[in-house]
Amino acid sequence: MHKSFISIVFSLAIFLCSLNSALAITNEKILIIGDSLSAGHGMKIQYSWPYLLQKKYLQSNKSAQIINASISGETTFGGNNRIQDLLQNYQPQIVIIELGGNDGLRGLNFKLSKKNIQSMIQTAQQKNIKVLLVGVRLPSNLGKLYNLKFQQMYESLAKENDIAYLPTFLKGIAENPKLMQNDRIHPTEKAQSILTDKVFNALEKI
């Protein structure tokens, strides 16, 4: 009787450990390192796409924790400086990198931006963390050539590192004045659900 009880307790302990391990595996942590496009600029946080992304996962009965470490005004340099500590603190399974827009607005050399993002990707991959790279478009007044070079930068980074890539983050939004704030840089609250769906669908393919 005593041995049977011990056996049951031992078996239950093993089961609970296995269950906890399974939950730990399925409860993915998704870390977002972005700029104002991901920080909910000009709106309450509950209307931003990262917040809506968390709601979408819950509604889909999928276990994922969204951690938004985006900062308005962030550059690729700042993101590269922060990523090591962020990965250490949160230990995510997936990292979304949405940076480069502020580099472009400041007219920085895109080669330096590429170097910074490349460093971020390598830092994540060294820890076996999957990466989703989000490409952003710059305002048309910065010139077609400069914009083209930025698009090519994202494309080459995705290809060279064999990572997931979302090239059309603001496509269908930036062209619609009703979906853009008055600054013509940041999407409105109405556009956030569109961005949420784009990111969610991209993550589903990882």
N, C-alpha and C. Protein backbone atom coordinates (compact mmCIF):
# COMPACT_ATOMS: atom_id res chain seq x y z
N MET A 1 0.84 -1.20 0.00
CA MET A 1 0.00 0.00 0.00
C MET A 1 0.87 1.25 0.00
N HIS A 2 1.86 1.23 0.90
CA HIS A 2 2.76 2.37 1.01
C HIS A 2 3.56 2.56 -0.27
N LYS A 3 4.02 1.44 -0.83
CA LYS A 3 4.80 1.50 -2.07
C LYS A 3 3.94 1.99 -3.23
N SER A 4 2.67 1.56 -3.23
CA SER A 4 1.76 2.00 -4.30
C SER A 4 1.54 3.50 -4.23
N PHE A 5 1.38 4.00 -2.99
CA PHE A 5 1.16 5.43 -2.80
C PHE A 5 2.37 6.23 -3.29
N ILE A 6 3.55 5.76 -2.92
CA ILE A 6 4.78 6.42 -3.35
C ILE A 6 4.88 6.40 -4.87
N SER A 7 4.50 5.27 -5.45
CA SER A 7 4.55 5.13 -6.91
C SER A 7 3.61 6.13 -7.59
N ILE A 8 2.39 6.29 -7.01
CA ILE A 8 1.42 7.22 -7.58
C ILE A 8 1.92 8.65 -7.48
N VAL A 9 2.45 9.01 -6.31
CA VAL A 9 2.97 10.36 -6.10
C VAL A 9 4.12 10.64 -7.06
N PHE A 10 4.99 9.65 -7.22
CA PHE A 10 6.14 9.81 -8.10
C PHE A 10 5.68 9.99 -9.55
N SER A 11 4.69 9.17 -9.95
CA SER A 11 4.16 9.27 -11.31
C SER A 11 3.49 10.62 -11.55
N LEU A 12 2.76 11.09 -10.52
CA LEU A 12 2.09 12.38 -10.63
C LEU A 12 3.11 13.51 -10.75
N ALA A 13 4.18 13.40 -10.01
CA ALA A 13 5.23 14.42 -10.06
C ALA A 13 5.85 14.48 -11.45
N ILE A 14 6.08 13.30 -12.03
CA ILE A 14 6.64 13.25 -13.38
C ILE A 14 5.67 13.87 -14.38
N PHE A 15 4.37 13.56 -14.20
CA PHE A 15 3.35 14.10 -15.11
C PHE A 15 3.31 15.62 -15.03
N LEU A 16 3.33 16.15 -13.80
CA LEU A 16 3.27 17.61 -13.63
C LEU A 16 4.50 18.29 -14.21
N CYS A 17 5.64 17.66 -14.05
CA CYS A 17 6.86 18.21 -14.63
C CYS A 17 6.77 18.24 -16.15
N SER A 18 6.24 17.15 -16.70
CA SER A 18 6.08 17.06 -18.15
C SER A 18 5.08 18.10 -18.65
N LEU A 19 3.99 18.30 -17.87
CA LEU A 19 2.97 19.27 -18.25
C LEU A 19 3.54 20.68 -18.22
N ASN A 20 4.29 20.98 -17.17
CA ASN A 20 4.90 22.30 -17.07
C ASN A 20 5.88 22.55 -18.21
N SER A 21 6.61 21.50 -18.57
CA SER A 21 7.56 21.62 -19.68
C SER A 21 6.83 21.88 -20.98
N ALA A 22 5.72 21.19 -21.18
CA ALA A 22 4.93 21.36 -22.40
C ALA A 22 4.37 22.77 -22.48
N LEU A 23 3.87 23.27 -21.34
CA LEU A 23 3.32 24.63 -21.32
C LEU A 23 4.41 25.65 -21.60
N ALA A 24 5.59 25.39 -21.06
CA ALA A 24 6.69 26.31 -21.27
C ALA A 24 7.08 26.38 -22.74
N ILE A 25 6.95 25.21 -23.41
CA ILE A 25 7.31 25.15 -24.83
C ILE A 25 6.26 25.86 -25.68
N THR A 26 4.98 25.60 -25.37
CA THR A 26 3.92 26.16 -26.21
C THR A 26 3.72 27.65 -25.96
N ASN A 27 4.03 28.13 -24.76
CA ASN A 27 3.83 29.53 -24.45
C ASN A 27 5.00 30.34 -24.98
N GLU A 28 4.99 30.59 -26.27
CA GLU A 28 6.07 31.32 -26.91
C GLU A 28 6.12 32.77 -26.45
N LYS A 29 7.32 33.26 -26.36
CA LYS A 29 7.52 34.68 -26.10
C LYS A 29 7.97 35.33 -27.41
N ILE A 30 7.25 36.35 -27.81
CA ILE A 30 7.58 37.07 -29.04
C ILE A 30 7.97 38.49 -28.66
N LEU A 31 9.21 38.84 -28.91
CA LEU A 31 9.75 40.14 -28.54
C LEU A 31 9.76 41.07 -29.75
N ILE A 32 9.20 42.26 -29.59
CA ILE A 32 9.18 43.25 -30.66
C ILE A 32 10.17 44.36 -30.33
N ILE A 33 11.13 44.56 -31.22
CA ILE A 33 12.08 45.66 -31.08
C ILE A 33 11.84 46.60 -32.25
N GLY A 34 11.16 47.69 -31.99
CA GLY A 34 10.79 48.59 -33.08
C GLY A 34 10.86 50.05 -32.68
N ASP A 35 10.32 50.88 -33.55
CA ASP A 35 10.29 52.32 -33.31
C ASP A 35 8.85 52.77 -33.08
N SER A 36 8.55 54.01 -33.44
CA SER A 36 7.21 54.56 -33.17
C SER A 36 6.10 53.83 -33.92
N LEU A 37 6.43 53.17 -35.03
CA LEU A 37 5.42 52.41 -35.76
C LEU A 37 4.88 51.25 -34.92
N SER A 38 5.71 50.79 -34.01
CA SER A 38 5.32 49.66 -33.15
C SER A 38 5.06 50.08 -31.71
N ALA A 39 5.33 51.35 -31.41
CA ALA A 39 5.17 51.85 -30.03
C ALA A 39 3.82 52.52 -29.81
N GLY A 40 2.96 52.52 -30.83
CA GLY A 40 1.64 53.12 -30.68
C GLY A 40 1.66 54.63 -30.66
N HIS A 41 2.49 55.23 -31.51
CA HIS A 41 2.61 56.69 -31.56
C HIS A 41 1.27 57.35 -31.88
N GLY A 42 0.90 58.33 -31.07
CA GLY A 42 -0.30 59.11 -31.32
C GLY A 42 -1.60 58.43 -30.94
N MET A 43 -1.52 57.37 -30.13
CA MET A 43 -2.75 56.66 -29.73
C MET A 43 -2.55 55.97 -28.39
N LYS A 44 -3.66 55.57 -27.78
CA LYS A 44 -3.58 54.81 -26.55
C LYS A 44 -3.02 53.42 -26.87
N ILE A 45 -2.26 52.89 -25.93
CA ILE A 45 -1.54 51.64 -26.17
C ILE A 45 -2.47 50.49 -26.55
N GLN A 46 -3.70 50.50 -26.06
CA GLN A 46 -4.62 49.39 -26.35
C GLN A 46 -5.10 49.37 -27.79
N TYR A 47 -4.77 50.41 -28.54
CA TYR A 47 -5.14 50.44 -29.96
C TYR A 47 -3.96 50.10 -30.87
N SER A 48 -2.79 49.94 -30.30
CA SER A 48 -1.59 49.67 -31.10
C SER A 48 -1.57 48.22 -31.58
N TRP A 49 -0.88 47.98 -32.69
CA TRP A 49 -0.89 46.63 -33.27
C TRP A 49 -0.25 45.58 -32.37
N PRO A 50 0.82 45.87 -31.60
CA PRO A 50 1.35 44.83 -30.71
C PRO A 50 0.32 44.39 -29.66
N TYR A 51 -0.45 45.35 -29.13
CA TYR A 51 -1.50 45.03 -28.16
C TYR A 51 -2.58 44.18 -28.82
N LEU A 52 -2.96 44.57 -30.03
CA LEU A 52 -3.99 43.82 -30.76
C LEU A 52 -3.49 42.43 -31.15
N LEU A 53 -2.18 42.32 -31.37
CA LEU A 53 -1.59 41.02 -31.71
C LEU A 53 -1.74 40.05 -30.55
N GLN A 54 -1.51 40.55 -29.33
CA GLN A 54 -1.70 39.71 -28.15
C GLN A 54 -3.15 39.24 -28.04
N LYS A 55 -4.09 40.15 -28.29
CA LYS A 55 -5.52 39.80 -28.26
C LYS A 55 -5.85 38.75 -29.32
N LYS A 56 -5.24 38.90 -30.49
CA LYS A 56 -5.51 37.96 -31.59
C LYS A 56 -5.04 36.56 -31.23
N TYR A 57 -3.89 36.46 -30.59
CA TYR A 57 -3.40 35.14 -30.17
C TYR A 57 -4.34 34.52 -29.14
N LEU A 58 -4.82 35.32 -28.21
CA LEU A 58 -5.74 34.82 -27.19
C LEU A 58 -7.05 34.36 -27.82
N GLN A 59 -7.55 35.14 -28.76
CA GLN A 59 -8.81 34.79 -29.43
C GLN A 59 -8.66 33.56 -30.31
N SER A 60 -7.43 33.30 -30.77
CA SER A 60 -7.16 32.14 -31.62
C SER A 60 -6.82 30.90 -30.81
N ASN A 61 -6.87 31.05 -29.48
CA ASN A 61 -6.52 29.94 -28.57
C ASN A 61 -5.09 29.46 -28.80
N LYS A 62 -4.23 30.40 -29.13
CA LYS A 62 -2.82 30.08 -29.32
C LYS A 62 -2.02 30.75 -28.22
N SER A 63 -1.10 29.98 -27.67
CA SER A 63 -0.35 30.46 -26.52
C SER A 63 0.88 31.23 -26.96
N ALA A 64 0.85 32.54 -26.74
CA ALA A 64 2.00 33.38 -27.06
C ALA A 64 1.95 34.64 -26.21
N GLN A 65 3.11 35.03 -25.72
CA GLN A 65 3.20 36.26 -24.94
C GLN A 65 3.93 37.31 -25.77
N ILE A 66 3.27 38.42 -26.02
CA ILE A 66 3.86 39.50 -26.81
C ILE A 66 4.55 40.48 -25.87
N ILE A 67 5.83 40.71 -26.10
CA ILE A 67 6.60 41.65 -25.30
C ILE A 67 7.03 42.79 -26.22
N ASN A 68 6.49 43.96 -25.99
CA ASN A 68 6.77 45.09 -26.86
C ASN A 68 7.84 45.99 -26.25
N ALA A 69 9.04 45.95 -26.81
CA ALA A 69 10.15 46.77 -26.33
C ALA A 69 10.45 47.90 -27.31
N SER A 70 9.43 48.32 -28.05
CA SER A 70 9.60 49.38 -29.04
C SER A 70 9.66 50.75 -28.37
N ILE A 71 10.45 51.64 -28.97
CA ILE A 71 10.62 53.00 -28.45
C ILE A 71 10.48 53.99 -29.59
N SER A 72 9.66 55.00 -29.41
CA SER A 72 9.52 56.04 -30.42
C SER A 72 10.87 56.73 -30.63
N GLY A 73 11.25 56.91 -31.89
CA GLY A 73 12.52 57.54 -32.20
C GLY A 73 13.69 56.58 -32.26
N GLU A 74 13.45 55.30 -32.00
CA GLU A 74 14.54 54.31 -31.98
C GLU A 74 15.18 54.16 -33.35
N THR A 75 16.49 53.99 -33.35
CA THR A 75 17.26 53.75 -34.57
C THR A 75 17.83 52.34 -34.55
N THR A 76 18.42 51.94 -35.65
CA THR A 76 19.05 50.61 -35.69
C THR A 76 20.23 50.55 -34.72
N PHE A 77 20.90 51.69 -34.53
CA PHE A 77 22.02 51.75 -33.58
C PHE A 77 21.52 51.48 -32.16
N GLY A 78 20.42 52.14 -31.80
CA GLY A 78 19.85 51.95 -30.47
C GLY A 78 19.34 50.54 -30.27
N GLY A 79 18.70 49.99 -31.30
CA GLY A 79 18.19 48.63 -31.21
C GLY A 79 19.31 47.63 -31.03
N ASN A 80 20.39 47.84 -31.75
CA ASN A 80 21.54 46.94 -31.65
C ASN A 80 22.18 47.02 -30.26
N ASN A 81 22.17 48.21 -29.68
CA ASN A 81 22.73 48.37 -28.34
C ASN A 81 21.87 47.71 -27.26
N ARG A 82 20.57 47.60 -27.52
CA ARG A 82 19.64 47.08 -26.51
C ARG A 82 19.39 45.58 -26.61
N ILE A 83 19.58 45.00 -27.78
CA ILE A 83 19.08 43.65 -28.01
C ILE A 83 19.68 42.60 -27.08
N GLN A 84 20.95 42.72 -26.75
CA GLN A 84 21.58 41.71 -25.90
C GLN A 84 20.88 41.62 -24.55
N ASP A 85 20.65 42.77 -23.92
CA ASP A 85 19.99 42.79 -22.62
C ASP A 85 18.53 42.34 -22.73
N LEU A 86 17.86 42.73 -23.81
CA LEU A 86 16.46 42.34 -23.99
C LEU A 86 16.32 40.82 -24.11
N LEU A 87 17.21 40.22 -24.88
CA LEU A 87 17.16 38.76 -25.04
C LEU A 87 17.47 38.06 -23.73
N GLN A 88 18.39 38.62 -22.98
CA GLN A 88 18.76 38.03 -21.70
C GLN A 88 17.61 38.14 -20.69
N ASN A 89 16.94 39.28 -20.70
CA ASN A 89 15.87 39.53 -19.73
C ASN A 89 14.59 38.75 -20.04
N TYR A 90 14.24 38.67 -21.32
CA TYR A 90 12.95 38.08 -21.69
C TYR A 90 13.03 36.67 -22.28
N GLN A 91 14.20 36.30 -22.80
CA GLN A 91 14.42 34.97 -23.37
C GLN A 91 13.29 34.54 -24.32
N PRO A 92 13.09 35.31 -25.38
CA PRO A 92 12.01 35.00 -26.34
C PRO A 92 12.40 33.87 -27.29
N GLN A 93 11.39 33.30 -27.93
CA GLN A 93 11.63 32.31 -28.98
C GLN A 93 11.66 32.97 -30.36
N ILE A 94 11.00 34.14 -30.46
CA ILE A 94 10.95 34.88 -31.72
C ILE A 94 11.21 36.36 -31.44
N VAL A 95 11.97 36.99 -32.33
CA VAL A 95 12.20 38.43 -32.25
C VAL A 95 11.71 39.09 -33.53
N ILE A 96 10.91 40.12 -33.39
CA ILE A 96 10.47 40.92 -34.53
C ILE A 96 11.31 42.19 -34.54
N ILE A 97 12.02 42.43 -35.64
CA ILE A 97 12.83 43.64 -35.78
C ILE A 97 12.14 44.58 -36.76
N GLU A 98 11.67 45.70 -36.25
CA GLU A 98 11.01 46.71 -37.08
C GLU A 98 11.75 48.03 -36.86
N LEU A 99 12.85 48.19 -37.55
CA LEU A 99 13.70 49.37 -37.38
C LEU A 99 14.25 49.82 -38.73
N GLY A 100 14.71 51.05 -38.76
CA GLY A 100 15.32 51.59 -39.97
C GLY A 100 14.67 52.88 -40.44
N GLY A 101 13.40 53.06 -40.08
CA GLY A 101 12.68 54.24 -40.53
C GLY A 101 13.31 55.54 -40.05
N ASN A 102 13.72 55.58 -38.78
CA ASN A 102 14.33 56.80 -38.25
C ASN A 102 15.72 57.03 -38.82
N ASP A 103 16.41 55.96 -39.14
CA ASP A 103 17.70 56.10 -39.83
C ASP A 103 17.48 56.83 -41.15
N GLY A 104 16.46 56.37 -41.88
CA GLY A 104 16.17 56.95 -43.19
C GLY A 104 15.74 58.40 -43.09
N LEU A 105 14.89 58.71 -42.11
CA LEU A 105 14.42 60.08 -41.94
C LEU A 105 15.56 61.03 -41.61
N ARG A 106 16.60 60.51 -40.99
CA ARG A 106 17.76 61.33 -40.64
C ARG A 106 18.82 61.33 -41.73
N GLY A 107 18.53 60.61 -42.80
CA GLY A 107 19.46 60.58 -43.92
C GLY A 107 20.75 59.84 -43.64
N LEU A 108 20.69 58.88 -42.73
CA LEU A 108 21.89 58.12 -42.38
C LEU A 108 22.27 57.15 -43.51
N ASN A 109 23.53 56.81 -43.57
CA ASN A 109 24.01 55.88 -44.58
C ASN A 109 23.35 54.52 -44.37
N PHE A 110 22.67 54.04 -45.41
CA PHE A 110 21.94 52.77 -45.26
C PHE A 110 22.88 51.60 -44.99
N LYS A 111 24.16 51.73 -45.37
CA LYS A 111 25.12 50.66 -45.11
C LYS A 111 25.33 50.48 -43.60
N LEU A 112 25.30 51.59 -42.87
CA LEU A 112 25.44 51.52 -41.41
C LEU A 112 24.19 50.90 -40.79
N SER A 113 23.04 51.26 -41.35
CA SER A 113 21.78 50.67 -40.87
C SER A 113 21.80 49.16 -41.07
N LYS A 114 22.26 48.75 -42.23
CA LYS A 114 22.33 47.32 -42.54
C LYS A 114 23.26 46.60 -41.58
N LYS A 115 24.38 47.23 -41.28
CA LYS A 115 25.35 46.63 -40.36
C LYS A 115 24.73 46.43 -38.98
N ASN A 116 23.98 47.42 -38.52
CA ASN A 116 23.35 47.33 -37.20
C ASN A 116 22.29 46.23 -37.15
N ILE A 117 21.46 46.17 -38.19
CA ILE A 117 20.41 45.14 -38.22
C ILE A 117 21.03 43.76 -38.35
N GLN A 118 22.09 43.66 -39.15
CA GLN A 118 22.79 42.38 -39.30
C GLN A 118 23.31 41.90 -37.95
N SER A 119 23.85 42.82 -37.17
CA SER A 119 24.35 42.48 -35.85
C SER A 119 23.22 41.99 -34.94
N MET A 120 22.06 42.62 -35.05
CA MET A 120 20.90 42.20 -34.25
C MET A 120 20.45 40.80 -34.63
N ILE A 121 20.41 40.54 -35.92
CA ILE A 121 20.00 39.22 -36.40
C ILE A 121 20.97 38.14 -35.90
N GLN A 122 22.26 38.42 -36.01
CA GLN A 122 23.26 37.45 -35.58
C GLN A 122 23.18 37.20 -34.08
N THR A 123 22.95 38.26 -33.32
CA THR A 123 22.82 38.12 -31.87
C THR A 123 21.67 37.18 -31.51
N ALA A 124 20.56 37.33 -32.22
CA ALA A 124 19.40 36.46 -31.98
C ALA A 124 19.68 35.03 -32.43
N GLN A 125 20.24 34.88 -33.61
CA GLN A 125 20.48 33.54 -34.16
C GLN A 125 21.50 32.76 -33.34
N GLN A 126 22.45 33.45 -32.75
CA GLN A 126 23.43 32.78 -31.90
C GLN A 126 22.77 32.13 -30.68
N LYS A 127 21.58 32.62 -30.33
CA LYS A 127 20.83 32.06 -29.21
C LYS A 127 19.68 31.18 -29.70
N ASN A 128 19.73 30.83 -30.99
CA ASN A 128 18.70 29.98 -31.62
C ASN A 128 17.30 30.61 -31.54
N ILE A 129 17.26 31.92 -31.65
CA ILE A 129 16.00 32.66 -31.64
C ILE A 129 15.62 32.99 -33.08
N LYS A 130 14.38 32.70 -33.44
CA LYS A 130 13.91 33.00 -34.79
C LYS A 130 13.67 34.50 -34.95
N VAL A 131 13.85 34.97 -36.18
CA VAL A 131 13.73 36.40 -36.45
C VAL A 131 12.72 36.68 -37.55
N LEU A 132 11.87 37.66 -37.31
CA LEU A 132 10.99 38.19 -38.35
C LEU A 132 11.43 39.63 -38.61
N LEU A 133 11.91 39.89 -39.81
CA LEU A 133 12.35 41.23 -40.18
C LEU A 133 11.22 41.96 -40.88
N VAL A 134 10.90 43.14 -40.39
CA VAL A 134 9.83 43.95 -40.96
C VAL A 134 10.44 45.11 -41.74
N GLY A 135 10.16 45.15 -43.02
CA GLY A 135 10.68 46.23 -43.86
C GLY A 135 9.74 47.42 -43.85
N VAL A 136 10.30 48.61 -43.76
CA VAL A 136 9.48 49.82 -43.77
C VAL A 136 9.85 50.69 -44.97
N ARG A 137 8.86 51.43 -45.42
CA ARG A 137 9.08 52.36 -46.52
C ARG A 137 9.25 53.77 -45.98
N LEU A 138 10.07 54.54 -46.66
CA LEU A 138 10.31 55.91 -46.25
C LEU A 138 9.38 56.85 -47.02
N PRO A 139 9.16 58.06 -46.51
CA PRO A 139 8.33 59.03 -47.23
C PRO A 139 8.89 59.29 -48.63
N SER A 140 8.01 59.49 -49.57
CA SER A 140 8.42 59.66 -50.97
C SER A 140 9.29 60.88 -51.20
N ASN A 141 9.19 61.88 -50.31
CA ASN A 141 9.99 63.10 -50.51
C ASN A 141 11.48 62.89 -50.27
N LEU A 142 11.85 61.72 -49.76
CA LEU A 142 13.27 61.41 -49.58
C LEU A 142 13.90 60.89 -50.86
N GLY A 143 13.08 60.68 -51.87
CA GLY A 143 13.60 60.26 -53.17
C GLY A 143 13.43 58.78 -53.44
N LYS A 144 13.18 58.45 -54.69
CA LYS A 144 12.96 57.06 -55.09
C LYS A 144 14.21 56.21 -54.91
N LEU A 145 15.37 56.77 -55.25
CA LEU A 145 16.62 56.00 -55.18
C LEU A 145 16.94 55.62 -53.74
N TYR A 146 16.81 56.58 -52.83
CA TYR A 146 17.10 56.32 -51.42
C TYR A 146 16.13 55.28 -50.87
N ASN A 147 14.87 55.40 -51.25
CA ASN A 147 13.86 54.44 -50.83
C ASN A 147 14.16 53.05 -51.37
N LEU A 148 14.58 53.01 -52.63
CA LEU A 148 14.90 51.73 -53.27
C LEU A 148 16.05 51.04 -52.56
N LYS A 149 17.07 51.81 -52.19
CA LYS A 149 18.22 51.24 -51.50
C LYS A 149 17.81 50.66 -50.14
N PHE A 150 16.88 51.33 -49.49
CA PHE A 150 16.41 50.82 -48.21
C PHE A 150 15.65 49.52 -48.38
N GLN A 151 14.82 49.45 -49.40
CA GLN A 151 14.08 48.21 -49.66
C GLN A 151 15.04 47.07 -49.97
N GLN A 152 16.05 47.36 -50.76
CA GLN A 152 17.05 46.35 -51.12
C GLN A 152 17.84 45.91 -49.89
N MET A 153 18.04 46.84 -48.95
CA MET A 153 18.75 46.50 -47.72
C MET A 153 18.00 45.42 -46.94
N TYR A 154 16.70 45.62 -46.76
CA TYR A 154 15.89 44.63 -46.04
C TYR A 154 15.86 43.29 -46.77
N GLU A 155 15.69 43.36 -48.07
CA GLU A 155 15.60 42.14 -48.88
C GLU A 155 16.89 41.32 -48.78
N SER A 156 18.02 42.00 -48.88
CA SER A 156 19.30 41.29 -48.82
C SER A 156 19.55 40.72 -47.43
N LEU A 157 19.17 41.45 -46.39
CA LEU A 157 19.33 40.94 -45.03
C LEU A 157 18.51 39.68 -44.81
N ALA A 158 17.29 39.69 -45.31
CA ALA A 158 16.42 38.52 -45.15
C ALA A 158 16.97 37.32 -45.91
N LYS A 159 17.44 37.57 -47.11
CA LYS A 159 17.95 36.49 -47.95
C LYS A 159 19.26 35.94 -47.42
N GLU A 160 20.17 36.82 -47.06
CA GLU A 160 21.50 36.40 -46.60
C GLU A 160 21.44 35.63 -45.29
N ASN A 161 20.45 35.95 -44.46
CA ASN A 161 20.34 35.30 -43.15
C ASN A 161 19.26 34.22 -43.10
N ASP A 162 18.54 34.05 -44.22
CA ASP A 162 17.49 33.04 -44.32
C ASP A 162 16.48 33.18 -43.17
N ILE A 163 15.93 34.39 -43.05
CA ILE A 163 14.96 34.66 -41.99
C ILE A 163 13.62 35.08 -42.59
N ALA A 164 12.59 35.03 -41.77
CA ALA A 164 11.26 35.47 -42.20
C ALA A 164 11.28 36.97 -42.47
N TYR A 165 10.52 37.37 -43.49
CA TYR A 165 10.57 38.77 -43.91
C TYR A 165 9.18 39.26 -44.27
N LEU A 166 8.81 40.40 -43.72
CA LEU A 166 7.54 41.06 -44.04
C LEU A 166 7.86 42.35 -44.78
N PRO A 167 7.82 42.35 -46.10
CA PRO A 167 8.25 43.50 -46.89
C PRO A 167 7.19 44.58 -47.08
N THR A 168 5.96 44.26 -46.80
CA THR A 168 4.86 45.16 -47.16
C THR A 168 4.12 45.69 -45.93
N PHE A 169 4.86 46.09 -44.90
CA PHE A 169 4.26 46.49 -43.63
C PHE A 169 3.24 47.62 -43.81
N LEU A 170 3.61 48.65 -44.55
CA LEU A 170 2.72 49.80 -44.72
C LEU A 170 2.06 49.85 -46.09
N LYS A 171 2.25 48.80 -46.88
CA LYS A 171 1.62 48.79 -48.20
C LYS A 171 0.10 48.73 -48.05
N GLY A 172 -0.59 49.59 -48.81
CA GLY A 172 -2.03 49.66 -48.70
C GLY A 172 -2.50 50.57 -47.59
N ILE A 173 -1.55 51.05 -46.79
CA ILE A 173 -1.85 51.95 -45.68
C ILE A 173 -1.27 53.34 -45.95
N ALA A 174 0.03 53.36 -46.28
CA ALA A 174 0.70 54.64 -46.52
C ALA A 174 0.08 55.41 -47.68
N GLU A 175 -0.53 54.67 -48.63
CA GLU A 175 -1.13 55.32 -49.80
C GLU A 175 -2.53 55.87 -49.51
N ASN A 176 -3.07 55.51 -48.37
CA ASN A 176 -4.44 55.91 -48.02
C ASN A 176 -4.42 56.97 -46.92
N PRO A 177 -4.73 58.22 -47.25
CA PRO A 177 -4.71 59.31 -46.25
C PRO A 177 -5.57 59.04 -45.03
N LYS A 178 -6.65 58.28 -45.20
CA LYS A 178 -7.54 57.99 -44.09
C LYS A 178 -6.92 57.03 -43.07
N LEU A 179 -5.87 56.33 -43.50
CA LEU A 179 -5.21 55.37 -42.62
C LEU A 179 -3.90 55.91 -42.05
N MET A 180 -3.59 57.16 -42.37
CA MET A 180 -2.36 57.78 -41.89
C MET A 180 -2.67 59.01 -41.05
N GLN A 181 -1.85 59.21 -40.02
CA GLN A 181 -2.00 60.41 -39.20
C GLN A 181 -1.57 61.63 -40.00
N ASN A 182 -1.79 62.81 -39.45
CA ASN A 182 -1.51 64.05 -40.17
C ASN A 182 -0.05 64.21 -40.56
N ASP A 183 0.85 63.55 -39.83
CA ASP A 183 2.27 63.66 -40.17
C ASP A 183 2.65 62.84 -41.39
N ARG A 184 1.72 62.00 -41.86
CA ARG A 184 1.93 61.16 -43.05
C ARG A 184 3.04 60.12 -42.84
N ILE A 185 3.39 59.89 -41.60
CA ILE A 185 4.43 58.91 -41.27
C ILE A 185 3.85 57.75 -40.47
N HIS A 186 2.95 58.07 -39.55
CA HIS A 186 2.42 57.06 -38.64
C HIS A 186 0.99 56.65 -38.99
N PRO A 187 0.71 55.37 -38.98
CA PRO A 187 -0.65 54.87 -39.25
C PRO A 187 -1.62 55.27 -38.14
N THR A 188 -2.88 55.36 -38.48
CA THR A 188 -3.92 55.70 -37.52
C THR A 188 -4.35 54.46 -36.72
N GLU A 189 -5.24 54.69 -35.76
CA GLU A 189 -5.79 53.58 -34.99
C GLU A 189 -6.50 52.59 -35.91
N LYS A 190 -7.19 53.11 -36.91
CA LYS A 190 -7.94 52.27 -37.83
C LYS A 190 -7.03 51.32 -38.59
N ALA A 191 -5.79 51.72 -38.81
CA ALA A 191 -4.85 50.90 -39.58
C ALA A 191 -4.20 49.80 -38.75
N GLN A 192 -4.30 49.89 -37.44
CA GLN A 192 -3.58 48.95 -36.57
C GLN A 192 -4.03 47.50 -36.74
N SER A 193 -5.31 47.30 -36.98
CA SER A 193 -5.79 45.92 -37.17
C SER A 193 -5.22 45.32 -38.45
N ILE A 194 -4.99 46.15 -39.45
CA ILE A 194 -4.39 45.68 -40.71
C ILE A 194 -2.95 45.24 -40.45
N LEU A 195 -2.23 46.06 -39.69
CA LEU A 195 -0.84 45.73 -39.35
C LEU A 195 -0.79 44.46 -38.51
N THR A 196 -1.74 44.32 -37.61
CA THR A 196 -1.81 43.13 -36.76
C THR A 196 -1.94 41.87 -37.60
N ASP A 197 -2.84 41.90 -38.56
CA ASP A 197 -3.06 40.74 -39.42
C ASP A 197 -1.82 40.41 -40.24
N LYS A 198 -1.13 41.44 -40.72
CA LYS A 198 0.08 41.21 -41.51
C LYS A 198 1.15 40.51 -40.69
N VAL A 199 1.36 41.00 -39.48
CA VAL A 199 2.38 40.40 -38.62
C VAL A 199 1.97 39.00 -38.18
N PHE A 200 0.72 38.83 -37.81
CA PHE A 200 0.21 37.52 -37.38
C PHE A 200 0.41 36.48 -38.48
N ASN A 201 0.05 36.83 -39.70
CA ASN A 201 0.19 35.90 -40.82
C ASN A 201 1.65 35.58 -41.10
N ALA A 202 2.52 36.57 -40.95
CA ALA A 202 3.95 36.33 -41.16
C ALA A 202 4.51 35.41 -40.08
N LEU A 203 4.06 35.58 -38.85
CA LEU A 203 4.52 34.73 -37.75
C LEU A 203 4.04 33.30 -37.90
N GLU A 204 2.86 33.12 -38.48
CA GLU A 204 2.31 31.78 -38.67
C GLU A 204 3.17 30.95 -39.62
N LYS A 205 3.96 31.60 -40.45
CA LYS A 205 4.79 30.90 -41.43
C LYS A 205 6.17 30.54 -40.88
N ILE A 206 6.47 31.03 -39.69
CA ILE A 206 7.78 30.74 -39.10
C ILE A 206 7.79 29.33 -38.50
